[in-house]
Amino acid sequence: MPAGYSERRNQALAAAFAYMNLIENLGSGMKRVVGELKAAGLRVPEFVEWPNVLRVNVFRKVVDGPGKGYP
């Protein structure tokens, strides 16, 4: 995905979020998500695009040892 590129993939959902004042700024969400994941010590997500589909792979923290997992 090109840096600074913004596209509403679901117009109805975007309109509903805008109506409820849940959209702060178009194009700022991906940067915020990446920043929050980095701040939590997690890997940067992987963005995979196909025509009409965007998949975001978010990776959990790996903890070594039996019985240990991500909190």
N, C-alpha and C. Protein backbone atom coordinates (compact mmCIF):
# COMPACT_ATOMS: atom_id res chain seq x y z
N MET A 1 0.86 -1.17 0.00
CA MET A 1 0.00 0.00 0.00
C MET A 1 0.90 1.23 0.00
N PRO A 2 0.71 2.14 -0.93
CA PRO A 2 1.57 3.34 -0.99
C PRO A 2 1.39 4.22 0.23
N ALA A 3 2.47 4.82 0.68
CA ALA A 3 2.40 5.71 1.85
C ALA A 3 1.50 6.90 1.53
N GLY A 4 0.63 7.24 2.46
CA GLY A 4 -0.25 8.39 2.29
C GLY A 4 -1.47 8.12 1.43
N TYR A 5 -1.65 6.89 0.99
CA TYR A 5 -2.78 6.54 0.14
C TYR A 5 -3.99 6.25 1.01
N SER A 6 -5.11 6.85 0.69
CA SER A 6 -6.32 6.64 1.47
C SER A 6 -7.48 6.30 0.55
N GLU A 7 -8.18 5.23 0.86
CA GLU A 7 -9.33 4.83 0.06
C GLU A 7 -10.40 4.25 0.97
N ARG A 8 -11.61 4.73 0.84
CA ARG A 8 -12.73 4.15 1.59
C ARG A 8 -13.18 2.91 0.86
N ARG A 9 -13.01 1.77 1.49
CA ARG A 9 -13.37 0.50 0.86
C ARG A 9 -14.85 0.18 1.07
N ASN A 10 -15.43 0.69 2.15
CA ASN A 10 -16.83 0.45 2.44
C ASN A 10 -17.47 1.82 2.72
N GLN A 11 -18.10 2.38 1.70
CA GLN A 11 -18.66 3.72 1.80
C GLN A 11 -19.71 3.83 2.90
N ALA A 12 -20.57 2.82 3.02
CA ALA A 12 -21.63 2.86 4.03
C ALA A 12 -21.05 2.86 5.44
N LEU A 13 -20.05 2.01 5.67
CA LEU A 13 -19.43 1.94 6.98
C LEU A 13 -18.69 3.24 7.30
N ALA A 14 -17.97 3.79 6.32
CA ALA A 14 -17.27 5.05 6.51
C ALA A 14 -18.25 6.18 6.84
N ALA A 15 -19.38 6.21 6.16
CA ALA A 15 -20.39 7.24 6.41
C ALA A 15 -20.98 7.10 7.82
N ALA A 16 -21.23 5.85 8.24
CA ALA A 16 -21.77 5.63 9.59
C ALA A 16 -20.77 6.05 10.65
N PHE A 17 -19.49 5.70 10.47
CA PHE A 17 -18.46 6.10 11.43
C PHE A 17 -18.30 7.62 11.47
N ALA A 18 -18.38 8.26 10.31
CA ALA A 18 -18.27 9.73 10.26
C ALA A 18 -19.45 10.36 11.00
N TYR A 19 -20.65 9.82 10.81
CA TYR A 19 -21.85 10.32 11.47
C TYR A 19 -21.72 10.22 12.99
N MET A 20 -21.08 9.14 13.47
CA MET A 20 -20.92 8.93 14.90
C MET A 20 -19.64 9.57 15.44
N ASN A 21 -18.97 10.36 14.59
CA ASN A 21 -17.72 11.02 14.96
C ASN A 21 -16.65 10.03 15.41
N LEU A 22 -16.61 8.86 14.78
CA LEU A 22 -15.60 7.86 15.10
C LEU A 22 -14.41 7.91 14.13
N ILE A 23 -14.57 8.67 13.05
CA ILE A 23 -13.46 8.85 12.12
C ILE A 23 -12.81 10.18 12.45
N GLU A 24 -11.54 10.08 12.82
CA GLU A 24 -10.80 11.28 13.21
C GLU A 24 -10.24 12.00 11.99
N ASN A 25 -9.63 11.23 11.09
CA ASN A 25 -8.93 11.83 9.98
C ASN A 25 -8.74 10.76 8.92
N LEU A 26 -9.17 11.01 7.72
CA LEU A 26 -9.00 10.00 6.66
C LEU A 26 -7.52 9.75 6.42
N GLY A 27 -7.15 8.49 6.36
CA GLY A 27 -5.77 8.12 6.07
C GLY A 27 -4.88 8.03 7.29
N SER A 28 -5.41 8.24 8.49
CA SER A 28 -4.55 8.20 9.69
C SER A 28 -4.62 6.87 10.43
N GLY A 29 -5.56 6.02 10.10
CA GLY A 29 -5.77 4.78 10.84
C GLY A 29 -4.64 3.79 10.75
N MET A 30 -4.13 3.55 9.56
CA MET A 30 -3.06 2.55 9.40
C MET A 30 -1.81 2.98 10.16
N LYS A 31 -1.46 4.26 10.09
CA LYS A 31 -0.28 4.76 10.82
C LYS A 31 -0.47 4.57 12.32
N ARG A 32 -1.68 4.84 12.80
CA ARG A 32 -1.96 4.68 14.23
C ARG A 32 -1.85 3.22 14.64
N VAL A 33 -2.40 2.32 13.82
CA VAL A 33 -2.35 0.89 14.13
C VAL A 33 -0.90 0.43 14.19
N VAL A 34 -0.11 0.79 13.20
CA VAL A 34 1.31 0.40 13.17
C VAL A 34 2.03 0.96 14.39
N GLY A 35 1.78 2.22 14.73
CA GLY A 35 2.42 2.84 15.89
C GLY A 35 2.06 2.16 17.19
N GLU A 36 0.78 1.81 17.36
CA GLU A 36 0.34 1.13 18.58
C GLU A 36 0.95 -0.26 18.70
N LEU A 37 1.04 -0.97 17.58
CA LEU A 37 1.64 -2.31 17.62
C LEU A 37 3.12 -2.23 17.95
N LYS A 38 3.83 -1.28 17.35
CA LYS A 38 5.25 -1.09 17.66
C LYS A 38 5.43 -0.74 19.13
N ALA A 39 4.59 0.15 19.65
CA ALA A 39 4.68 0.57 21.05
C ALA A 39 4.45 -0.62 21.99
N ALA A 40 3.65 -1.59 21.55
CA ALA A 40 3.38 -2.78 22.36
C ALA A 40 4.46 -3.85 22.17
N GLY A 41 5.48 -3.54 21.36
CA GLY A 41 6.56 -4.49 21.14
C GLY A 41 6.23 -5.59 20.15
N LEU A 42 5.22 -5.36 19.32
CA LEU A 42 4.81 -6.36 18.34
C LEU A 42 5.34 -6.02 16.96
N ARG A 43 5.36 -7.02 16.10
CA ARG A 43 5.80 -6.82 14.71
C ARG A 43 4.86 -5.88 13.98
N VAL A 44 5.40 -5.23 12.96
CA VAL A 44 4.59 -4.40 12.07
C VAL A 44 3.64 -5.34 11.32
N PRO A 45 2.37 -4.97 11.18
CA PRO A 45 1.44 -5.86 10.48
C PRO A 45 1.81 -5.99 8.99
N GLU A 46 1.33 -7.04 8.41
CA GLU A 46 1.56 -7.29 6.99
C GLU A 46 0.26 -6.98 6.25
N PHE A 47 0.34 -6.11 5.25
CA PHE A 47 -0.82 -5.72 4.46
C PHE A 47 -0.78 -6.46 3.13
N VAL A 48 -1.84 -7.22 2.84
CA VAL A 48 -1.92 -8.00 1.60
C VAL A 48 -3.15 -7.51 0.85
N GLU A 49 -2.94 -7.05 -0.38
CA GLU A 49 -4.05 -6.52 -1.18
C GLU A 49 -4.33 -7.38 -2.40
N TRP A 50 -5.61 -7.57 -2.66
CA TRP A 50 -6.09 -8.15 -3.89
C TRP A 50 -7.18 -7.21 -4.39
N PRO A 51 -7.65 -7.36 -5.61
CA PRO A 51 -8.76 -6.52 -6.05
C PRO A 51 -9.95 -6.68 -5.10
N ASN A 52 -10.42 -5.60 -4.55
CA ASN A 52 -11.59 -5.56 -3.65
C ASN A 52 -11.37 -6.23 -2.30
N VAL A 53 -10.14 -6.55 -1.94
CA VAL A 53 -9.86 -7.22 -0.67
C VAL A 53 -8.59 -6.64 -0.05
N LEU A 54 -8.65 -6.37 1.22
CA LEU A 54 -7.46 -5.99 1.98
C LEU A 54 -7.40 -6.91 3.19
N ARG A 55 -6.30 -7.63 3.33
CA ARG A 55 -6.09 -8.48 4.50
C ARG A 55 -4.94 -7.89 5.30
N VAL A 56 -5.14 -7.78 6.61
CA VAL A 56 -4.10 -7.27 7.49
C VAL A 56 -3.74 -8.41 8.45
N ASN A 57 -2.49 -8.87 8.37
CA ASN A 57 -2.01 -9.91 9.27
C ASN A 57 -1.35 -9.24 10.46
N VAL A 58 -1.92 -9.42 11.64
CA VAL A 58 -1.38 -8.87 12.88
C VAL A 58 -0.76 -10.03 13.65
N PHE A 59 0.48 -9.87 14.05
CA PHE A 59 1.22 -10.95 14.68
C PHE A 59 1.24 -10.78 16.19
N ARG A 60 1.00 -11.85 16.92
CA ARG A 60 1.02 -11.81 18.37
C ARG A 60 2.45 -11.97 18.89
N LYS A 61 2.62 -11.67 20.14
CA LYS A 61 3.91 -11.82 20.79
C LYS A 61 4.15 -13.30 21.04
N VAL A 62 5.36 -13.76 20.76
CA VAL A 62 5.72 -15.15 20.99
C VAL A 62 6.49 -15.22 22.29
N VAL A 63 6.03 -16.07 23.19
CA VAL A 63 6.66 -16.26 24.47
C VAL A 63 7.11 -17.71 24.57
N ASP A 64 8.40 -17.92 24.85
CA ASP A 64 8.94 -19.28 24.92
C ASP A 64 8.56 -19.94 26.24
N GLY A 65 8.43 -21.24 26.20
CA GLY A 65 8.20 -22.01 27.42
C GLY A 65 6.82 -22.60 27.48
N PRO A 66 6.69 -23.74 28.16
CA PRO A 66 5.39 -24.39 28.27
C PRO A 66 4.43 -23.59 29.17
N GLY A 67 3.20 -23.55 28.74
CA GLY A 67 2.18 -22.88 29.54
C GLY A 67 2.21 -21.37 29.48
N LYS A 68 3.10 -20.81 28.65
CA LYS A 68 3.18 -19.34 28.55
C LYS A 68 2.53 -18.92 27.24
N GLY A 69 1.84 -17.84 27.28
CA GLY A 69 1.20 -17.33 26.09
C GLY A 69 1.13 -15.83 26.12
N TYR A 70 0.45 -15.30 25.20
CA TYR A 70 0.30 -13.85 25.12
C TYR A 70 -0.77 -13.40 26.12
N PRO A 71 -0.45 -12.41 26.94
CA PRO A 71 -1.45 -11.98 27.96
C PRO A 71 -2.69 -11.39 27.35
